[in-house]
N, C-alpha and C. Protein backbone atom coordinates (compact mmCIF):
# COMPACT_ATOMS: atom_id res chain seq x y z
N UNK A 1 90.35 169.64 26.11
CA UNK A 1 89.19 168.98 26.30
C UNK A 1 87.85 169.70 26.74
N UNK A 2 86.84 169.64 26.11
CA UNK A 2 85.48 170.53 26.66
C UNK A 2 84.69 169.40 27.21
N UNK A 3 83.87 169.89 28.28
CA UNK A 3 83.09 169.11 29.08
C UNK A 3 81.63 169.78 29.28
N UNK A 4 80.64 169.04 28.87
CA UNK A 4 79.22 169.52 28.98
C UNK A 4 78.68 168.64 30.13
N UNK A 5 77.79 169.17 31.19
CA UNK A 5 77.36 168.49 32.17
C UNK A 5 75.93 168.73 32.33
N UNK A 6 75.06 167.92 32.17
CA UNK A 6 73.71 168.26 32.22
C UNK A 6 73.17 167.62 33.74
N UNK A 7 72.46 168.68 34.29
CA UNK A 7 72.03 168.33 35.69
C UNK A 7 70.66 167.70 35.69
N UNK A 8 70.40 166.80 36.68
CA UNK A 8 68.91 166.20 36.90
C UNK A 8 69.03 165.13 37.94
N UNK A 9 68.02 164.65 38.19
CA UNK A 9 67.89 163.42 39.04
C UNK A 9 67.80 162.16 38.25
N UNK A 10 68.34 161.00 38.85
CA UNK A 10 68.37 159.88 38.15
C UNK A 10 67.12 159.11 38.38
N UNK A 11 66.86 158.14 37.47
CA UNK A 11 65.68 157.22 37.45
C UNK A 11 64.35 157.76 36.77
N UNK A 12 63.53 156.78 36.48
CA UNK A 12 62.31 156.86 35.62
C UNK A 12 61.47 158.00 36.10
N UNK A 13 61.27 157.97 37.38
CA UNK A 13 60.27 158.85 38.24
C UNK A 13 60.54 160.41 37.85
N UNK A 14 61.85 160.69 37.63
CA UNK A 14 62.06 162.18 37.44
C UNK A 14 62.27 162.58 36.06
N UNK A 15 62.28 161.51 35.02
CA UNK A 15 62.65 161.63 33.83
C UNK A 15 62.08 162.93 32.98
N UNK A 16 60.87 163.15 33.16
CA UNK A 16 60.26 164.49 32.38
C UNK A 16 59.89 165.56 33.18
N UNK A 17 60.51 165.63 34.46
CA UNK A 17 60.27 166.64 35.33
C UNK A 17 61.15 167.89 34.82
N UNK A 18 60.63 169.09 35.48
CA UNK A 18 61.34 170.27 35.12
C UNK A 18 62.67 170.45 35.72
N UNK A 19 63.06 169.77 36.78
CA UNK A 19 64.41 169.71 37.26
C UNK A 19 65.38 168.95 36.41
N UNK A 20 64.89 168.14 35.49
CA UNK A 20 65.75 167.21 34.73
C UNK A 20 65.84 167.79 33.33
N UNK A 21 65.71 169.08 32.92
CA UNK A 21 65.72 169.52 31.67
C UNK A 21 67.22 169.64 31.08
N UNK A 22 68.13 169.64 32.20
CA UNK A 22 69.60 169.52 31.92
C UNK A 22 69.87 168.13 31.39
N UNK A 23 69.35 166.87 31.89
CA UNK A 23 69.57 165.73 31.29
C UNK A 23 68.96 165.55 29.98
N UNK A 24 67.75 166.31 29.60
CA UNK A 24 67.07 166.05 28.41
C UNK A 24 67.85 166.87 27.25
N UNK A 25 68.42 168.00 27.68
CA UNK A 25 69.22 168.66 26.70
C UNK A 25 70.65 167.97 26.35
N UNK A 26 71.24 167.35 27.40
CA UNK A 26 72.53 166.72 27.10
C UNK A 26 72.21 165.37 26.43
N UNK A 27 70.99 164.69 26.44
CA UNK A 27 70.69 163.68 25.62
C UNK A 27 70.39 164.02 24.33
N UNK A 28 69.85 165.21 24.01
CA UNK A 28 69.74 165.60 22.62
C UNK A 28 71.07 166.14 22.17
N UNK A 29 71.99 166.63 22.80
CA UNK A 29 73.36 166.92 22.20
C UNK A 29 74.06 165.52 21.94
N UNK A 30 73.92 164.58 22.65
CA UNK A 30 74.65 163.35 22.40
C UNK A 30 74.05 162.74 21.22
N UNK A 31 72.78 162.86 20.92
CA UNK A 31 72.07 162.33 19.64
C UNK A 31 72.66 162.97 18.37
N UNK A 32 72.80 164.51 18.64
CA UNK A 32 73.21 165.23 17.56
C UNK A 32 74.58 165.02 17.01
N UNK A 33 75.33 164.80 18.23
CA UNK A 33 76.71 164.63 18.01
C UNK A 33 77.19 162.94 17.75
N UNK A 34 76.20 162.10 17.90
CA UNK A 34 76.31 160.62 17.57
C UNK A 34 77.14 160.00 18.68
N UNK A 35 76.98 160.34 19.95
CA UNK A 35 77.85 160.01 20.92
C UNK A 35 76.99 159.01 21.97
N UNK A 36 77.47 158.00 22.51
CA UNK A 36 76.65 157.06 23.32
C UNK A 36 77.19 157.15 24.68
N UNK A 37 76.39 157.16 25.71
CA UNK A 37 76.73 157.18 27.06
C UNK A 37 77.11 155.72 27.53
N UNK A 38 77.99 155.62 28.51
CA UNK A 38 78.22 154.56 29.26
C UNK A 38 78.47 154.96 30.68
N UNK A 39 78.40 153.93 31.58
CA UNK A 39 78.70 154.18 32.99
C UNK A 39 80.06 154.32 33.50
N UNK A 40 80.27 155.46 34.32
CA UNK A 40 81.60 155.43 34.68
C UNK A 40 81.48 156.22 36.16
N UNK A 41 81.89 155.53 37.12
CA UNK A 41 81.68 155.83 38.50
C UNK A 41 80.24 156.37 38.83
N UNK A 42 80.31 157.68 39.30
CA UNK A 42 79.09 158.32 39.72
C UNK A 42 78.21 158.97 38.54
N UNK A 43 78.70 158.56 37.28
CA UNK A 43 77.92 159.41 36.14
C UNK A 43 77.92 158.42 34.96
N UNK A 44 77.15 158.91 33.93
CA UNK A 44 76.98 158.42 32.78
C UNK A 44 77.78 159.30 31.68
N UNK A 45 78.67 158.85 30.92
CA UNK A 45 79.53 159.56 30.17
C UNK A 45 79.64 159.21 28.81
N UNK A 46 79.68 160.18 27.92
CA UNK A 46 79.93 159.96 26.44
C UNK A 46 81.09 160.81 25.89
N UNK A 47 81.94 160.35 25.07
CA UNK A 47 83.00 161.26 24.65
C UNK A 47 83.18 161.05 23.24
N UNK A 48 83.92 162.05 22.47
CA UNK A 48 84.12 162.06 21.05
C UNK A 48 84.88 163.20 20.79
N UNK A 49 84.96 163.48 19.51
CA UNK A 49 85.77 164.65 19.02
C UNK A 49 84.79 165.42 17.97
N UNK A 50 84.88 166.78 18.21
CA UNK A 50 83.93 167.55 17.46
C UNK A 50 84.76 168.83 16.74
N UNK A 51 84.58 168.94 15.41
CA UNK A 51 85.18 170.10 14.69
C UNK A 51 84.94 171.45 15.26
N UNK A 52 85.72 172.18 15.35
CA UNK A 52 85.61 173.65 15.85
C UNK A 52 85.59 174.63 14.69
N UNK A 53 84.96 175.78 15.00
CA UNK A 53 84.97 176.79 13.91
C UNK A 53 85.95 177.94 14.26
N UNK A 54 86.62 177.83 15.47
CA UNK A 54 87.55 178.85 15.88
C UNK A 54 88.63 178.82 15.00
N UNK A 55 89.39 180.02 14.85
CA UNK A 55 90.49 180.16 14.02
C UNK A 55 91.69 179.29 14.57
N UNK A 56 92.43 178.53 13.78
CA UNK A 56 93.54 177.72 14.07
C UNK A 56 93.19 176.65 15.25
N UNK A 57 91.99 176.32 15.33
CA UNK A 57 91.56 175.41 16.38
C UNK A 57 91.63 174.03 15.75
N UNK A 58 92.22 173.06 16.63
CA UNK A 58 91.97 171.61 16.36
C UNK A 58 90.69 171.27 16.76
N UNK A 59 90.24 170.01 16.11
CA UNK A 59 89.06 169.35 16.55
C UNK A 59 88.98 169.17 18.00
N UNK A 60 88.02 169.47 18.70
CA UNK A 60 87.98 169.43 20.30
C UNK A 60 87.54 168.05 20.75
N UNK A 61 88.21 167.52 21.70
CA UNK A 61 87.52 166.29 22.53
C UNK A 61 86.51 166.90 23.25
N UNK A 62 85.46 166.15 23.38
CA UNK A 62 84.26 166.67 24.06
C UNK A 62 83.72 165.57 24.93
N UNK A 63 83.26 165.85 26.09
CA UNK A 63 82.97 164.79 27.23
C UNK A 63 81.62 165.38 27.67
N UNK A 64 80.48 164.44 27.48
CA UNK A 64 79.25 164.73 27.97
C UNK A 64 79.03 164.00 29.23
N UNK A 65 78.59 164.56 30.41
CA UNK A 65 78.30 163.94 31.64
C UNK A 65 76.82 164.17 32.12
N UNK A 66 76.26 163.00 32.67
CA UNK A 66 75.13 163.18 33.50
C UNK A 66 75.36 162.40 34.67
N UNK A 67 75.45 163.32 35.91
CA UNK A 67 75.76 162.51 37.10
C UNK A 67 74.48 161.62 37.36
N UNK A 68 74.95 160.36 37.94
CA UNK A 68 73.84 159.43 38.19
C UNK A 68 73.68 159.56 39.70
N UNK A 69 73.79 160.69 40.22
CA UNK A 69 73.41 160.96 41.85
C UNK A 69 72.21 161.99 41.87
N UNK A 70 71.66 162.15 42.94
CA UNK A 70 70.56 163.25 43.05
C UNK A 70 71.13 164.61 42.82
N UNK A 71 70.25 165.58 42.43
CA UNK A 71 70.66 166.81 42.19
C UNK A 71 71.60 167.50 43.04
N UNK A 72 71.25 167.45 44.41
CA UNK A 72 72.08 168.11 45.44
C UNK A 72 73.33 167.46 45.76
N UNK A 73 73.72 166.36 45.11
CA UNK A 73 74.94 165.83 45.13
C UNK A 73 75.90 165.61 43.93
N UNK A 74 75.46 166.52 43.16
CA UNK A 74 75.94 166.53 41.72
C UNK A 74 77.48 166.77 41.68
N UNK A 75 78.01 167.51 42.64
CA UNK A 75 79.31 167.94 42.78
C UNK A 75 80.20 166.63 43.11
N UNK A 76 79.66 165.73 43.68
CA UNK A 76 80.47 164.46 43.97
C UNK A 76 80.93 163.85 42.81
N UNK A 77 79.82 163.63 41.66
CA UNK A 77 80.13 163.08 40.44
C UNK A 77 81.01 163.82 39.66
N UNK A 78 80.73 165.34 39.56
CA UNK A 78 81.56 166.16 38.74
C UNK A 78 83.09 166.32 39.30
N UNK A 79 83.34 166.33 40.65
CA UNK A 79 84.66 166.21 41.19
C UNK A 79 85.41 164.94 40.69
N UNK A 80 84.71 163.85 40.74
CA UNK A 80 85.29 162.59 40.16
C UNK A 80 85.65 162.65 38.83
N UNK A 81 84.77 163.18 37.94
CA UNK A 81 84.98 163.34 36.56
C UNK A 81 86.39 164.32 36.31
N UNK A 82 86.38 165.40 36.99
CA UNK A 82 87.48 166.21 36.78
C UNK A 82 88.69 165.65 37.32
N UNK A 83 88.69 164.79 38.06
CA UNK A 83 89.84 164.14 38.66
C UNK A 83 90.55 163.29 37.63
N UNK A 84 89.51 162.74 36.97
CA UNK A 84 90.06 161.77 35.94
C UNK A 84 90.36 162.29 34.53
N UNK A 85 89.85 163.50 34.19
CA UNK A 85 89.98 164.08 32.88
C UNK A 85 90.53 165.40 32.87
N UNK A 86 91.41 165.91 31.98
CA UNK A 86 92.07 167.11 32.07
C UNK A 86 91.28 168.20 31.48
N UNK A 87 90.20 168.78 32.41
CA UNK A 87 89.30 169.87 31.99
C UNK A 87 89.58 170.97 32.82
N UNK A 88 89.74 172.09 32.19
CA UNK A 88 89.89 173.53 32.80
C UNK A 88 88.41 173.92 33.09
N UNK A 89 88.18 174.85 34.40
CA UNK A 89 86.84 175.26 34.47
C UNK A 89 86.24 176.01 33.36
N UNK A 90 86.87 176.84 32.65
CA UNK A 90 86.38 177.49 31.71
C UNK A 90 86.01 176.81 30.43
N UNK A 91 86.39 175.53 30.40
CA UNK A 91 85.95 174.64 29.33
C UNK A 91 84.81 173.69 29.70
N UNK A 92 84.21 173.91 30.85
CA UNK A 92 83.04 173.21 31.33
C UNK A 92 81.83 174.05 31.10
N UNK A 93 80.64 173.39 30.68
CA UNK A 93 79.32 174.15 30.39
C UNK A 93 78.57 173.15 31.30
N UNK A 94 77.84 173.83 32.22
CA UNK A 94 76.87 173.04 33.15
C UNK A 94 75.52 173.63 32.70
N UNK A 95 74.68 172.54 32.27
CA UNK A 95 73.28 172.74 31.65
C UNK A 95 72.16 172.51 32.71
N UNK A 96 71.43 173.52 33.15
CA UNK A 96 70.53 173.21 34.32
C UNK A 96 69.38 174.08 34.13
N UNK A 97 68.26 173.83 34.88
CA UNK A 97 67.10 174.50 34.89
C UNK A 97 67.20 175.84 35.81
N UNK A 98 66.30 176.77 35.56
CA UNK A 98 66.25 177.86 36.27
C UNK A 98 65.05 178.48 36.56
N UNK A 99 64.48 178.71 37.69
CA UNK A 99 63.03 179.20 37.96
C UNK A 99 62.97 180.64 37.75
N UNK A 100 64.11 181.14 37.88
CA UNK A 100 64.01 182.84 37.76
C UNK A 100 63.97 183.30 36.27
N UNK A 101 64.10 182.28 35.19
CA UNK A 101 63.97 182.65 33.95
C UNK A 101 62.74 182.10 33.45
N UNK A 102 61.92 182.74 32.68
CA UNK A 102 60.53 182.37 32.14
C UNK A 102 60.57 181.10 31.33
N UNK A 103 59.74 180.36 31.32
CA UNK A 103 59.66 179.06 30.49
C UNK A 103 59.73 179.44 28.98
N UNK A 104 60.66 178.94 28.35
CA UNK A 104 60.92 179.11 26.83
C UNK A 104 62.22 180.12 26.74
N UNK A 105 62.71 180.46 27.55
CA UNK A 105 63.95 181.27 27.41
C UNK A 105 65.09 180.58 27.91
N UNK A 106 66.25 180.86 27.54
CA UNK A 106 67.58 180.26 27.74
C UNK A 106 68.66 181.42 28.10
N UNK A 107 69.58 181.30 28.90
CA UNK A 107 70.45 182.30 29.03
C UNK A 107 71.95 181.72 29.41
N UNK A 108 72.95 182.16 28.76
CA UNK A 108 74.28 181.77 29.36
C UNK A 108 74.88 182.70 30.41
N UNK A 109 75.58 181.99 31.43
CA UNK A 109 76.39 182.66 32.31
C UNK A 109 77.80 182.13 32.37
N UNK A 110 78.81 183.25 32.37
CA UNK A 110 80.10 182.81 32.29
C UNK A 110 80.73 182.29 33.69
N UNK A 111 80.22 182.72 34.69
CA UNK A 111 80.65 182.11 36.05
C UNK A 111 79.91 182.92 37.14
N UNK A 112 80.36 182.60 38.42
CA UNK A 112 79.54 183.19 39.46
C UNK A 112 78.82 182.33 40.57
N UNK A 113 78.11 182.69 41.20
CA UNK A 113 77.44 182.01 42.30
C UNK A 113 76.35 181.08 41.70
N UNK A 114 75.75 180.15 42.62
CA UNK A 114 74.83 179.24 42.17
C UNK A 114 73.35 179.69 41.89
N UNK A 115 73.26 180.96 42.22
CA UNK A 115 71.74 181.47 42.31
C UNK A 115 70.80 180.73 42.98
N UNK A 116 71.20 180.10 44.03
CA UNK A 116 70.14 179.22 44.71
C UNK A 116 69.95 177.74 44.26
N UNK A 117 70.63 177.49 42.94
CA UNK A 117 70.39 176.19 42.62
C UNK A 117 71.27 175.17 43.27
N UNK A 118 70.61 174.20 43.67
CA UNK A 118 71.34 173.17 44.81
C UNK A 118 72.43 172.47 43.90
N UNK A 119 72.16 171.92 42.74
CA UNK A 119 73.03 171.18 41.88
C UNK A 119 74.40 172.01 41.61
N UNK A 120 74.09 173.21 41.15
CA UNK A 120 75.28 174.07 40.94
C UNK A 120 76.14 174.38 42.14
N UNK A 121 75.32 174.64 43.20
CA UNK A 121 76.05 174.82 44.56
C UNK A 121 76.75 173.57 44.98
N UNK A 122 76.40 172.39 44.81
CA UNK A 122 77.06 171.27 44.94
C UNK A 122 78.42 170.98 44.25
N UNK A 123 78.18 171.58 43.00
CA UNK A 123 79.46 171.56 42.08
C UNK A 123 80.54 172.55 42.66
N UNK A 124 79.92 173.75 43.07
CA UNK A 124 80.95 174.80 43.57
C UNK A 124 81.57 174.20 44.81
N UNK A 125 80.80 173.63 45.78
CA UNK A 125 81.19 173.26 47.03
C UNK A 125 82.31 172.13 46.88
N UNK A 126 82.04 171.03 45.97
CA UNK A 126 82.88 169.95 45.84
C UNK A 126 84.08 170.22 45.02
N UNK A 127 84.12 171.29 44.19
CA UNK A 127 85.40 171.44 43.39
C UNK A 127 85.99 172.88 43.95
N UNK A 128 85.36 173.56 44.60
CA UNK A 128 85.91 174.85 45.01
C UNK A 128 86.09 175.88 44.02
N UNK A 129 85.36 175.74 42.97
CA UNK A 129 85.50 176.66 41.94
C UNK A 129 84.12 177.05 41.40
N UNK A 130 83.97 178.56 41.16
CA UNK A 130 82.71 178.84 40.52
C UNK A 130 82.93 179.52 39.24
N UNK A 131 84.09 179.14 38.75
CA UNK A 131 84.44 179.88 37.35
C UNK A 131 84.05 179.18 36.07
N UNK A 132 83.12 178.21 36.18
CA UNK A 132 82.80 177.47 34.98
C UNK A 132 81.47 178.19 34.41
N UNK A 133 81.29 178.13 32.99
CA UNK A 133 80.20 178.82 32.43
C UNK A 133 78.91 177.86 32.76
N UNK A 134 77.86 178.33 32.46
CA UNK A 134 76.52 177.67 32.48
C UNK A 134 75.59 178.00 31.47
N UNK A 135 74.56 176.97 31.14
CA UNK A 135 73.51 177.33 30.08
C UNK A 135 72.35 177.21 30.96
N UNK A 136 71.50 178.15 31.28
CA UNK A 136 70.29 178.13 32.24
C UNK A 136 69.08 178.10 31.37
N UNK A 137 68.29 177.11 31.64
CA UNK A 137 67.03 176.85 30.73
C UNK A 137 65.68 177.33 31.78
N UNK A 138 65.17 178.32 31.26
CA UNK A 138 64.01 178.73 31.99
C UNK A 138 62.83 177.73 32.30
N UNK A 139 62.51 177.69 33.39
CA UNK A 139 61.31 176.80 33.70
C UNK A 139 60.10 177.57 34.48
N UNK A 140 60.48 178.90 34.71
CA UNK A 140 59.50 179.79 35.40
C UNK A 140 59.18 179.47 36.85
N UNK A 141 58.71 180.40 37.43
CA UNK A 141 58.26 180.21 38.90
C UNK A 141 56.82 179.75 38.80
N UNK A 142 56.61 178.77 39.99
CA UNK A 142 55.09 178.44 40.21
C UNK A 142 54.16 179.58 40.64
N UNK A 143 52.90 179.34 40.72
CA UNK A 143 51.97 180.39 41.27
C UNK A 143 52.14 180.40 42.74
N UNK A 144 51.53 181.25 43.49
CA UNK A 144 51.79 181.41 44.95
C UNK A 144 51.18 180.18 45.62
N UNK A 145 50.44 179.41 44.99
CA UNK A 145 49.92 178.27 45.89
C UNK A 145 50.59 176.99 45.67
N UNK A 146 51.70 176.93 44.75
CA UNK A 146 52.55 175.83 44.70
C UNK A 146 53.99 176.02 45.21
N UNK A 147 54.35 174.88 45.93
CA UNK A 147 55.58 175.02 46.55
C UNK A 147 56.77 174.90 45.40
N UNK A 148 57.82 175.67 45.60
CA UNK A 148 58.75 175.62 44.58
C UNK A 148 59.49 174.19 44.35
N UNK A 149 59.60 173.38 45.43
CA UNK A 149 60.10 172.12 45.54
C UNK A 149 59.21 171.15 44.67
N UNK A 150 57.80 171.31 44.75
CA UNK A 150 56.81 170.60 44.03
C UNK A 150 56.95 171.05 42.62
N UNK A 151 57.00 172.24 42.35
CA UNK A 151 57.03 172.79 40.91
C UNK A 151 58.28 172.15 40.08
N UNK A 152 59.55 172.11 40.68
CA UNK A 152 60.73 171.58 39.95
C UNK A 152 60.45 170.14 39.58
N UNK A 153 59.72 169.56 40.61
CA UNK A 153 59.59 168.05 40.41
C UNK A 153 58.37 167.64 39.63
N UNK A 154 57.69 168.69 39.20
CA UNK A 154 56.44 168.30 38.41
C UNK A 154 56.77 168.14 36.90
N UNK A 155 55.98 167.53 36.25
CA UNK A 155 56.15 167.20 34.73
C UNK A 155 55.65 168.23 33.95
N UNK A 156 56.32 168.82 32.75
CA UNK A 156 56.12 169.72 31.89
C UNK A 156 54.61 169.39 31.28
N UNK A 157 54.02 170.56 31.04
CA UNK A 157 52.54 170.38 30.45
C UNK A 157 52.73 170.30 28.85
N UNK A 158 53.41 171.02 28.14
CA UNK A 158 53.39 171.18 26.93
C UNK A 158 54.65 170.28 26.27
N UNK A 159 54.44 169.21 25.84
CA UNK A 159 55.61 168.31 25.55
C UNK A 159 55.96 168.86 24.05
N UNK A 160 55.27 169.42 23.14
CA UNK A 160 55.53 169.94 21.87
C UNK A 160 56.60 171.06 22.12
N UNK A 161 56.17 171.93 22.72
CA UNK A 161 56.90 173.07 23.16
C UNK A 161 58.39 172.78 23.96
N UNK A 162 58.21 171.77 24.76
CA UNK A 162 59.37 171.41 25.33
C UNK A 162 60.46 170.90 24.38
N UNK A 163 59.85 170.08 23.59
CA UNK A 163 60.89 169.53 22.46
C UNK A 163 61.63 170.72 21.66
N UNK A 164 60.99 171.74 21.26
CA UNK A 164 61.61 172.96 20.63
C UNK A 164 62.59 173.56 21.61
N UNK A 165 62.21 173.79 22.90
CA UNK A 165 63.13 174.31 23.65
C UNK A 165 64.33 173.56 23.95
N UNK A 166 64.31 172.22 24.03
CA UNK A 166 65.38 171.22 24.14
C UNK A 166 66.19 171.41 22.94
N UNK A 167 65.60 171.41 21.69
CA UNK A 167 66.34 171.59 20.55
C UNK A 167 67.12 172.84 20.38
N UNK A 168 66.50 173.97 20.74
CA UNK A 168 67.23 175.27 20.94
C UNK A 168 68.37 175.25 21.72
N UNK A 169 68.18 174.74 22.95
CA UNK A 169 69.38 174.75 23.91
C UNK A 169 70.53 173.84 23.56
N UNK A 170 70.05 172.80 22.92
CA UNK A 170 71.12 171.80 22.47
C UNK A 170 72.00 172.42 21.54
N UNK A 171 71.27 173.11 20.41
CA UNK A 171 71.99 173.84 19.38
C UNK A 171 72.91 174.95 20.01
N UNK A 172 72.35 175.63 21.13
CA UNK A 172 73.24 176.65 21.52
C UNK A 172 74.41 176.15 22.32
N UNK A 173 74.36 174.96 22.99
CA UNK A 173 75.42 174.42 23.61
C UNK A 173 76.52 173.93 22.63
N UNK A 174 76.05 173.52 21.50
CA UNK A 174 76.91 173.16 20.55
C UNK A 174 77.68 174.23 19.99
N UNK A 175 77.03 175.20 19.54
CA UNK A 175 77.67 176.51 19.25
C UNK A 175 78.80 177.06 20.08
N UNK A 176 78.36 176.96 21.25
CA UNK A 176 79.43 177.33 22.45
C UNK A 176 80.73 176.52 22.25
N UNK A 177 80.40 175.24 22.16
CA UNK A 177 81.63 174.22 21.92
C UNK A 177 82.47 174.36 20.71
N UNK A 178 81.75 174.45 19.69
CA UNK A 178 82.31 174.85 18.13
C UNK A 178 82.90 176.19 17.87
N UNK A 179 82.06 177.25 18.38
CA UNK A 179 82.52 178.63 17.98
C UNK A 179 82.85 179.48 19.27
N UNK A 180 82.69 179.02 20.32
CA UNK A 180 83.21 179.79 21.70
C UNK A 180 81.92 180.31 22.39
N UNK A 181 82.10 180.50 23.66
CA UNK A 181 80.87 180.99 24.43
C UNK A 181 80.42 182.42 23.96
N UNK A 182 81.44 183.16 23.54
CA UNK A 182 81.08 184.64 23.01
C UNK A 182 80.01 184.43 21.98
N UNK A 183 80.43 183.68 20.84
CA UNK A 183 79.49 183.42 19.75
C UNK A 183 78.15 183.13 20.15
N UNK A 184 78.10 182.00 20.95
CA UNK A 184 76.84 181.34 21.32
C UNK A 184 75.99 182.42 22.07
N UNK A 185 76.55 183.28 23.03
CA UNK A 185 75.90 184.26 23.56
C UNK A 185 75.37 185.20 22.62
N UNK A 186 76.05 185.65 21.64
CA UNK A 186 75.60 186.69 20.74
C UNK A 186 74.52 186.18 20.06
N UNK A 187 74.34 184.92 19.59
CA UNK A 187 73.24 184.21 18.90
C UNK A 187 71.99 183.86 19.60
N UNK A 188 72.35 183.42 20.98
CA UNK A 188 71.21 182.96 21.61
C UNK A 188 70.76 183.78 22.81
N UNK A 189 71.19 184.74 23.11
CA UNK A 189 71.13 185.55 24.46
C UNK A 189 69.88 186.37 24.19
N UNK A 190 69.30 186.30 22.99
CA UNK A 190 68.15 187.19 22.71
C UNK A 190 66.89 186.67 23.35
N UNK A 191 67.14 185.30 23.90
CA UNK A 191 66.21 184.60 24.71
C UNK A 191 64.73 184.54 23.95
N UNK A 192 64.60 183.35 23.28
CA UNK A 192 63.45 183.28 22.40
C UNK A 192 62.12 183.34 23.30
N UNK A 193 61.05 183.90 22.79
CA UNK A 193 59.92 183.99 23.58
C UNK A 193 59.18 182.56 23.23
N UNK A 194 58.14 182.31 23.77
CA UNK A 194 57.34 181.14 23.51
C UNK A 194 56.84 181.15 22.12
N UNK A 195 56.24 182.34 21.84
CA UNK A 195 55.76 182.43 20.49
C UNK A 195 56.79 182.45 19.37
N UNK A 196 57.94 182.76 19.59
CA UNK A 196 59.07 182.56 18.62
C UNK A 196 59.54 181.06 18.57
N UNK A 197 59.71 180.27 19.57
CA UNK A 197 59.80 178.88 19.65
C UNK A 197 58.86 178.27 18.78
N UNK A 198 57.54 178.51 19.08
CA UNK A 198 56.33 177.86 18.51
C UNK A 198 56.42 178.13 16.85
N UNK A 199 57.01 179.03 16.55
CA UNK A 199 57.11 179.25 15.08
C UNK A 199 58.36 178.86 14.34
N UNK A 200 59.21 178.24 15.07
CA UNK A 200 60.53 177.70 14.50
C UNK A 200 60.56 176.30 14.00
């Protein structure tokens, strides 16, 4: 079983904020795979079967997860899901925002520290495992006059460009599911610039 987890904050107030881009991408993945979410404990969960392009691979069961708790408690929801479903850490993909990556770029990471992201750190703390892959979506750093906490909770300015970034990230995540993380990294680690995204 494969599991994709989009991070964000629940509620309409946060729906279009930078911190919620993980939710936005996981919603787009669910649309592309035609999977519907339902409530399960501390999360919204969608599940189904996806064909794989890997040699001799059977169609993969996939679980899409949106923790229904605030970002810094994401690990509580993820630990609950992992207790209920047979998912190995290397078969998880956590999708989240990253201020250290410029807006318009995405980057895969195989495993490691949280890089200061509280949602990722909560997952590491709750599961005792940092060996899960991530798809990090750049939101850029604020100017010197803006508090980083205010920046991540602010709304994106360019909705059209945001839609293109969400689409690219969703496609990258699906490639990692169907063809493996290495293939996805080869195809998407070039990190599209804003101009390239605008021309796609």
